Protein backbone atom coordinates (compact mmCIF):
# COMPACT_ATOMS: atom_id res chain seq x y z
CA MET A 1 51.79 -149.94 49.41
CA LYS A 2 52.16 -152.15 46.34
CA LYS A 3 51.74 -150.51 42.95
CA LEU A 4 48.05 -150.43 42.16
CA GLN A 5 46.02 -149.00 39.29
CA ILE A 6 43.46 -146.80 41.10
CA LEU A 7 40.52 -144.73 39.89
CA VAL A 8 39.64 -141.76 42.14
CA THR A 9 36.34 -140.18 41.17
CA GLY A 10 35.74 -136.61 42.30
CA SER A 11 39.45 -135.84 41.96
CA ALA A 12 38.84 -132.13 41.34
CA GLY A 13 36.90 -132.05 44.60
CA PHE A 14 38.26 -131.43 48.08
CA ILE A 15 38.96 -134.94 49.40
CA GLY A 16 39.56 -136.44 45.95
CA HIS A 17 42.24 -133.86 45.15
CA HIS A 18 44.24 -134.62 48.28
CA LEU A 19 43.76 -138.38 47.93
CA ALA A 20 44.87 -138.50 44.28
CA LEU A 21 48.10 -136.70 45.19
CA ALA A 22 48.72 -138.93 48.22
CA LEU A 23 48.19 -142.19 46.32
CA GLN A 24 50.43 -141.01 43.47
CA GLN A 25 53.15 -140.17 45.99
CA LEU A 26 52.80 -143.67 47.45
CA GLY A 27 53.70 -145.10 44.03
CA CYS A 28 50.26 -145.98 42.72
CA SER A 29 49.14 -145.32 39.16
CA VAL A 30 46.17 -142.99 39.62
CA VAL A 31 43.46 -141.86 37.22
CA GLY A 32 41.38 -138.99 38.54
CA LEU A 33 37.88 -138.37 37.22
CA ASP A 34 35.59 -135.40 37.72
CA ALA A 35 32.53 -133.84 36.06
CA ILE A 36 33.67 -130.31 37.14
CA VAL A 37 30.12 -129.15 37.88
CA SER A 38 29.41 -125.59 38.99
CA TYR A 39 27.89 -126.31 42.44
CA TYR A 40 30.61 -123.93 43.64
CA ASP A 41 33.18 -121.85 41.76
CA PRO A 42 34.87 -124.15 39.19
CA LEU A 43 38.02 -121.98 39.45
CA LEU A 44 38.72 -123.69 42.78
CA LYS A 45 38.43 -127.07 41.08
CA TYR A 46 40.71 -126.01 38.24
CA GLY A 47 43.16 -124.70 40.85
CA ARG A 48 43.29 -128.12 42.48
CA LEU A 49 43.77 -129.77 39.08
CA ALA A 50 46.59 -127.35 38.26
CA LEU A 51 48.41 -128.54 41.39
CA GLN A 52 48.01 -132.07 40.09
CA GLY A 53 49.59 -131.05 36.79
CA PHE A 54 46.52 -130.46 34.60
CA GLU A 55 45.99 -127.06 33.00
CA GLN A 56 42.44 -125.94 32.26
CA GLN A 57 43.11 -125.28 28.57
CA ASP A 58 44.26 -128.89 28.09
CA ILE A 59 41.15 -130.52 29.59
CA ARG A 60 38.63 -131.99 27.13
CA TYR A 61 35.57 -134.10 27.90
CA ASN A 62 36.22 -137.86 27.84
CA GLN A 63 39.92 -137.47 26.94
CA LEU A 64 42.49 -138.97 29.28
CA LEU A 65 45.22 -136.46 30.11
CA ALA A 66 48.63 -137.22 31.63
CA SER A 67 49.90 -134.93 34.37
CA ARG A 68 52.58 -132.45 33.33
CA THR A 69 54.33 -132.69 36.69
CA ARG A 70 53.42 -135.97 38.43
CA GLU A 71 54.40 -139.30 36.96
CA GLY A 72 51.70 -141.93 37.20
CA LEU A 73 48.84 -139.43 37.57
CA SER A 74 46.21 -138.89 34.86
CA PHE A 75 42.87 -137.13 34.67
CA ILE A 76 39.67 -137.50 32.69
CA HIS A 77 36.79 -135.02 32.57
CA LEU A 78 33.79 -137.35 32.70
CA ASP A 79 30.31 -137.50 34.21
CA LEU A 80 29.43 -140.72 36.05
CA THR A 81 25.99 -140.64 34.44
CA ASP A 82 27.73 -141.23 31.08
CA GLU A 83 27.48 -145.00 31.38
CA LEU A 84 29.01 -145.90 28.02
CA ALA A 85 32.07 -143.66 28.43
CA LEU A 86 32.58 -144.87 32.01
CA ASN A 87 32.49 -148.49 30.92
CA HIS A 88 35.03 -147.77 28.15
CA LEU A 89 37.33 -146.14 30.72
CA PHE A 90 37.19 -149.21 32.98
CA GLU A 91 37.83 -151.50 30.02
CA ALA A 92 40.84 -149.50 28.85
CA GLN A 93 42.48 -148.90 32.23
CA GLN A 94 41.93 -152.23 34.02
CA PHE A 95 41.72 -150.69 37.49
CA ASP A 96 42.55 -152.70 40.60
CA VAL A 97 40.83 -150.36 43.03
CA VAL A 98 38.13 -147.68 42.73
CA VAL A 99 37.64 -144.90 45.29
CA ASN A 100 34.33 -143.21 44.55
CA LEU A 101 34.29 -139.72 46.05
CA ALA A 102 32.24 -138.06 43.31
CA ALA A 103 28.87 -136.88 44.61
CA GLN A 104 26.55 -133.94 44.83
CA ALA A 105 27.30 -132.61 48.31
CA GLY A 106 25.43 -130.30 50.66
CA VAL A 107 22.54 -130.87 53.05
CA ARG A 108 20.77 -127.55 52.47
CA TYR A 109 21.23 -127.56 48.68
CA SER A 110 19.39 -130.88 48.52
CA MET A 111 16.22 -129.20 49.81
CA ASP A 112 15.85 -127.21 46.58
CA HIS A 113 17.78 -129.29 44.03
CA PRO A 114 16.91 -132.94 44.68
CA GLN A 115 17.30 -133.96 41.03
CA SER A 116 21.04 -133.17 41.17
CA TYR A 117 21.37 -135.76 43.94
CA VAL A 118 19.37 -138.35 42.03
CA SER A 119 21.62 -137.97 38.97
CA SER A 120 25.00 -137.89 40.70
CA ASN A 121 24.53 -139.85 43.92
CA LEU A 122 22.13 -142.52 42.69
CA VAL A 123 22.44 -142.93 38.91
CA GLY A 124 26.15 -142.12 38.88
CA PHE A 125 26.89 -144.48 41.75
CA ALA A 126 24.84 -147.27 40.15
CA ASN A 127 27.02 -146.91 37.04
CA VAL A 128 30.17 -147.16 39.18
CA LEU A 129 28.89 -150.33 40.84
CA GLU A 130 28.03 -151.91 37.52
CA SER A 131 31.40 -151.02 35.98
CA CYS A 132 33.14 -152.51 39.03
CA ARG A 133 31.13 -155.72 38.63
CA ARG A 134 31.79 -156.01 34.91
CA HIS A 135 35.51 -155.46 35.17
CA GLY A 136 36.42 -157.48 38.26
CA ILE A 137 37.50 -154.63 40.53
CA GLN A 138 39.40 -155.96 43.55
CA HIS A 139 38.13 -153.32 46.00
CA LEU A 140 35.60 -150.48 45.82
CA LEU A 141 35.71 -147.75 48.47
CA PHE A 142 32.99 -145.10 48.45
CA ALA A 143 32.10 -141.92 50.28
CA SER A 144 29.17 -141.99 52.63
CA SER A 145 28.47 -139.39 55.31
CA SER A 146 27.83 -138.87 59.01
CA SER A 147 24.49 -137.46 57.83
CA VAL A 148 23.12 -141.03 57.60
CA TYR A 149 22.90 -141.14 61.41
CA GLY A 150 19.96 -138.74 61.16
CA LEU A 151 17.86 -138.61 64.32
CA ASN A 152 20.07 -140.90 66.40
CA GLN A 153 20.35 -139.42 69.89
CA GLU A 154 22.99 -141.76 71.31
CA THR A 155 26.63 -140.74 70.88
CA PRO A 156 29.24 -141.52 69.80
CA PHE A 157 27.82 -142.73 66.49
CA LYS A 158 28.70 -146.37 65.82
CA THR A 159 28.46 -148.06 62.44
CA SER A 160 26.28 -150.73 64.07
CA MET A 161 23.51 -148.17 64.77
CA LYS A 162 20.29 -148.09 62.76
CA THR A 163 20.37 -145.43 60.05
CA ASP A 164 16.85 -145.58 58.65
CA GLN A 165 15.76 -142.04 59.63
CA PRO A 166 17.62 -139.64 57.30
CA ILE A 167 16.41 -136.06 57.78
CA SER A 168 17.69 -134.61 54.50
CA PHE A 169 17.50 -135.86 50.93
CA TYR A 170 21.30 -135.72 50.77
CA ALA A 171 21.48 -138.13 53.72
CA ALA A 172 18.86 -140.34 52.06
CA THR A 173 21.01 -140.67 48.93
CA LYS A 174 24.05 -141.56 51.04
CA LYS A 175 22.07 -144.22 52.89
CA ALA A 176 20.87 -145.48 49.50
CA ASN A 177 24.51 -145.73 48.38
CA GLU A 178 25.27 -147.97 51.35
CA VAL A 179 22.34 -150.25 50.58
CA MET A 180 23.13 -150.36 46.86
CA ALA A 181 26.76 -151.19 47.59
CA TYR A 182 25.81 -153.96 50.01
CA SER A 183 23.62 -155.60 47.38
CA TYR A 184 26.54 -155.73 44.92
CA ALA A 185 28.87 -157.06 47.60
CA HIS A 186 26.35 -159.79 48.42
CA LEU A 187 25.32 -160.72 44.87
CA TYR A 188 28.72 -160.57 43.18
CA GLN A 189 31.18 -160.88 46.09
CA LEU A 190 32.57 -157.45 45.20
CA PRO A 191 34.68 -156.24 48.16
CA VAL A 192 33.19 -152.89 49.20
CA THR A 193 34.16 -150.41 51.92
CA GLY A 194 31.94 -147.47 52.87
CA LEU A 195 33.46 -144.33 54.41
CA ARG A 196 31.24 -142.22 56.66
CA PHE A 197 33.01 -138.85 56.69
CA PHE A 198 32.58 -136.40 59.58
CA THR A 199 32.86 -132.66 58.69
CA VAL A 200 36.13 -132.73 56.75
CA TYR A 201 38.05 -129.44 56.65
CA GLY A 202 41.40 -128.03 55.55
CA PRO A 203 43.24 -126.29 52.68
CA TRP A 204 41.50 -126.38 49.28
CA GLY A 205 38.22 -127.09 51.09
CA ARG A 206 34.66 -126.55 49.89
CA PRO A 207 33.41 -122.92 50.08
CA ASP A 208 29.92 -124.07 51.11
CA MET A 209 31.22 -125.60 54.35
CA ALA A 210 30.69 -123.58 57.56
CA TYR A 211 34.36 -123.18 58.50
CA TYR A 212 35.13 -121.76 55.04
CA SER A 213 32.13 -119.40 54.86
CA PHE A 214 32.78 -118.26 58.45
CA THR A 215 36.39 -117.44 57.57
CA LYS A 216 35.28 -115.47 54.53
CA ALA A 217 32.69 -113.52 56.54
CA ILE A 218 35.02 -112.73 59.45
CA ALA A 219 37.73 -111.53 57.05
CA ALA A 220 35.21 -109.30 55.27
CA GLY A 221 33.47 -108.07 58.44
CA THR A 222 30.08 -109.40 57.33
CA PRO A 223 27.61 -111.28 59.56
CA ILE A 224 27.82 -115.04 60.05
CA ARG A 225 24.57 -116.99 60.10
CA VAL A 226 24.88 -119.31 63.11
CA PHE A 227 22.12 -121.90 63.26
CA ASN A 228 20.48 -123.32 66.39
CA HIS A 229 21.79 -120.16 68.10
CA GLY A 230 25.26 -121.70 68.13
CA GLU A 231 24.25 -124.81 70.09
CA MET A 232 25.85 -127.17 67.60
CA TYR A 233 28.67 -129.67 67.92
CA ARG A 234 30.63 -131.06 65.00
CA ASP A 235 33.32 -133.73 64.80
CA PHE A 236 35.72 -131.68 62.65
CA THR A 237 38.20 -133.95 60.86
CA TYR A 238 41.33 -132.61 59.20
CA ILE A 239 41.89 -133.53 55.56
CA ASP A 240 45.31 -135.15 56.06
CA ASP A 241 43.80 -137.53 58.64
CA VAL A 242 41.02 -138.44 56.23
CA VAL A 243 43.44 -139.14 53.39
CA GLN A 244 45.71 -141.21 55.64
CA SER A 245 42.71 -143.29 56.69
CA ILE A 246 41.56 -143.93 53.12
CA ALA A 247 45.05 -144.74 51.86
CA ARG A 248 45.46 -147.37 54.58
CA LEU A 249 42.02 -148.85 53.94
CA VAL A 250 42.70 -149.27 50.21
CA GLU A 251 44.61 -152.48 50.94
CA VAL A 252 42.20 -153.74 53.64
CA ARG A 253 39.67 -155.66 51.61
CA PRO A 254 36.64 -156.70 53.69
CA LYS A 255 35.86 -160.39 54.09
CA PRO A 256 32.34 -161.82 53.93
CA ASP A 257 30.52 -160.94 57.16
CA PRO A 258 28.54 -163.12 57.14
CA THR A 259 27.74 -163.37 53.42
CA ALA A 260 28.98 -160.12 51.85
CA PRO A 261 32.54 -158.68 51.72
CA TYR A 262 31.25 -155.33 52.96
CA LYS A 263 32.40 -153.00 55.75
CA LEU A 264 31.56 -149.50 56.95
CA TYR A 265 33.95 -147.17 58.79
CA ASN A 266 33.49 -143.83 60.49
CA ILE A 267 36.20 -141.36 59.47
CA GLY A 268 36.10 -138.76 62.24
CA ASN A 269 38.21 -137.09 64.89
CA SER A 270 36.11 -138.38 67.82
CA LYS A 271 36.31 -134.95 69.48
CA PRO A 272 33.14 -132.91 68.88
CA GLU A 273 33.74 -129.16 69.04
CA HIS A 274 31.18 -126.50 69.94
CA LEU A 275 30.40 -124.30 66.95
CA LEU A 276 31.11 -121.14 68.94
CA GLN A 277 34.54 -122.58 69.80
CA LEU A 278 35.24 -122.96 66.08
CA ILE A 279 34.27 -119.31 65.57
CA ALA A 280 36.42 -118.17 68.51
CA THR A 281 39.43 -120.02 67.07
CA LEU A 282 38.91 -118.42 63.65
CA GLU A 283 38.63 -114.98 65.31
CA ARG A 284 41.97 -115.58 67.01
CA LEU A 285 43.67 -116.76 63.83
CA LEU A 286 42.26 -113.94 61.70
CA GLY A 287 42.70 -111.22 64.32
CA ARG A 288 39.10 -110.03 63.87
CA LYS A 289 35.84 -110.43 65.75
CA ALA A 290 32.92 -112.19 64.12
CA VAL A 291 29.53 -110.55 63.67
CA LEU A 292 27.01 -113.23 64.69
CA ASP A 293 23.53 -113.54 63.21
CA LEU A 294 21.92 -116.19 65.43
CA GLN A 295 19.32 -118.30 63.64
CA PRO A 296 17.02 -121.23 64.59
CA MET A 297 17.86 -124.76 63.53
CA GLN A 298 17.75 -125.35 59.79
CA PRO A 299 15.63 -128.19 58.34
CA GLY A 300 17.77 -131.25 57.64
CA ASP A 301 20.41 -130.32 60.22
CA VAL A 302 21.40 -132.16 63.39
CA PRO A 303 22.65 -130.64 66.66
CA ALA A 304 25.71 -132.88 67.06
CA THR A 305 27.99 -135.40 65.33
CA PHE A 306 30.48 -137.65 67.11
CA ALA A 307 32.33 -140.55 65.48
CA ASP A 308 33.25 -143.83 67.12
CA VAL A 309 36.39 -144.90 65.21
CA THR A 310 37.18 -148.09 67.12
CA ASP A 311 36.78 -150.22 63.99
CA LEU A 312 39.01 -147.93 61.94
CA GLN A 313 41.79 -148.04 64.52
CA ALA A 314 41.55 -151.83 64.76
CA ALA A 315 41.69 -152.23 60.97
CA VAL A 316 44.58 -149.88 60.10
CA ASP A 317 46.19 -148.95 63.43
CA TYR A 318 45.34 -145.30 62.87
CA ARG A 319 42.81 -142.73 64.03
CA PRO A 320 42.38 -139.08 63.03
CA ASP A 321 43.77 -136.83 65.75
CA THR A 322 44.74 -133.39 64.37
CA PRO A 323 43.69 -130.73 66.94
CA LEU A 324 41.14 -128.24 65.62
CA GLU A 325 43.34 -125.18 66.16
CA GLU A 326 46.26 -126.76 64.29
CA GLY A 327 44.06 -127.73 61.36
CA LEU A 328 42.33 -124.36 61.23
CA ARG A 329 45.68 -122.54 61.31
CA LYS A 330 46.76 -124.45 58.20
CA PHE A 331 43.44 -123.70 56.54
CA VAL A 332 43.56 -119.98 57.34
CA ASN A 333 47.13 -119.72 56.04
CA TRP A 334 46.04 -121.37 52.79
CA TYR A 335 42.89 -119.23 52.59
CA LYS A 336 44.84 -115.97 52.87
CA ALA A 337 47.41 -117.03 50.27
CA TYR A 338 44.79 -118.37 47.83
CA HIS A 339 42.47 -115.37 47.97
CA GLU A 340 45.29 -112.84 47.84
CA LYS A 341 46.48 -114.57 44.67
CA GLN A 342 42.93 -114.49 43.25
CA GLU A 343 42.64 -110.77 43.96
CA LEU A 344 45.99 -110.03 42.33
CA GLU A 345 45.05 -112.02 39.23
CA HIS A 346 41.70 -110.21 39.05
CA LEU A 347 43.38 -106.82 39.30
CA ALA A 348 45.92 -107.77 36.62
CA ALA A 349 43.15 -108.97 34.30
CA SER A 350 41.13 -105.77 34.71
CA ALA A 351 44.12 -103.40 34.34
């Protein structure tokens, strides 16, 4: 990969953290950006940033900070809704590529907190698009979601399918992102690539995700809420595969097709796993049985996801393929080490 100046938004988040490190290791100059909101424990976000070389006590809002340990990596604490500050950052840094991973995540959370999704996923993304237009960005990549497939019954999900029936507000904002991005690609010939992620998991993952909360519950011996009575399938995709896919797509700028340089890709493992199989694997890895609390289907949820990644493989000669057990083993090993460290630090602080 040639040396590029890249902005990664959401760099204190799960995927953004891993991507910022990977791009820096590939020789790119990377600026990470994050609002560090408290949707889940900010200590996890600060832990990721510490691995990148940024200590919590050094972080100040709207101040660019160089990594202590990784040459070519910087970080700025900034909210994408801060249009003026974002525009100043683009002007100062002269980015070649932007990877927008910052978003308010979570299907269920969107049922009760829709305004958070309007601010981050709509207003924030509009500001990113406008900054990209103003400053001649060569390529914008942005996070979408498998949630946009909504009520589609046919599998595997193909990017050519209609996605006009989102069944959660989160999915609606992700579909809106795709439409907003297409308009900028068409009007201003801004090369844009949308990334429809399928249930990404792995070390330093999000605590609100099922695999993480299941692991926590099994380890503690508390019940797991299993929706649709366990009759769910998910296309679990390991974080390293996701990062590899994005890193390769950074240099694959879409051509007008037919009038806009715009392309969507599914980023998934193409191997849907039964939810009860996920739980059985975690039981094996943790050496404990799960206590199941079987529940009906939740509003906004879908019974199955399954990615067709033919386009991805054709574009970058790569497809995610980490087996679920291998990926979960790496996650569980990280989980044990991370939470043991947290417990020791808590005990030391309270002594």
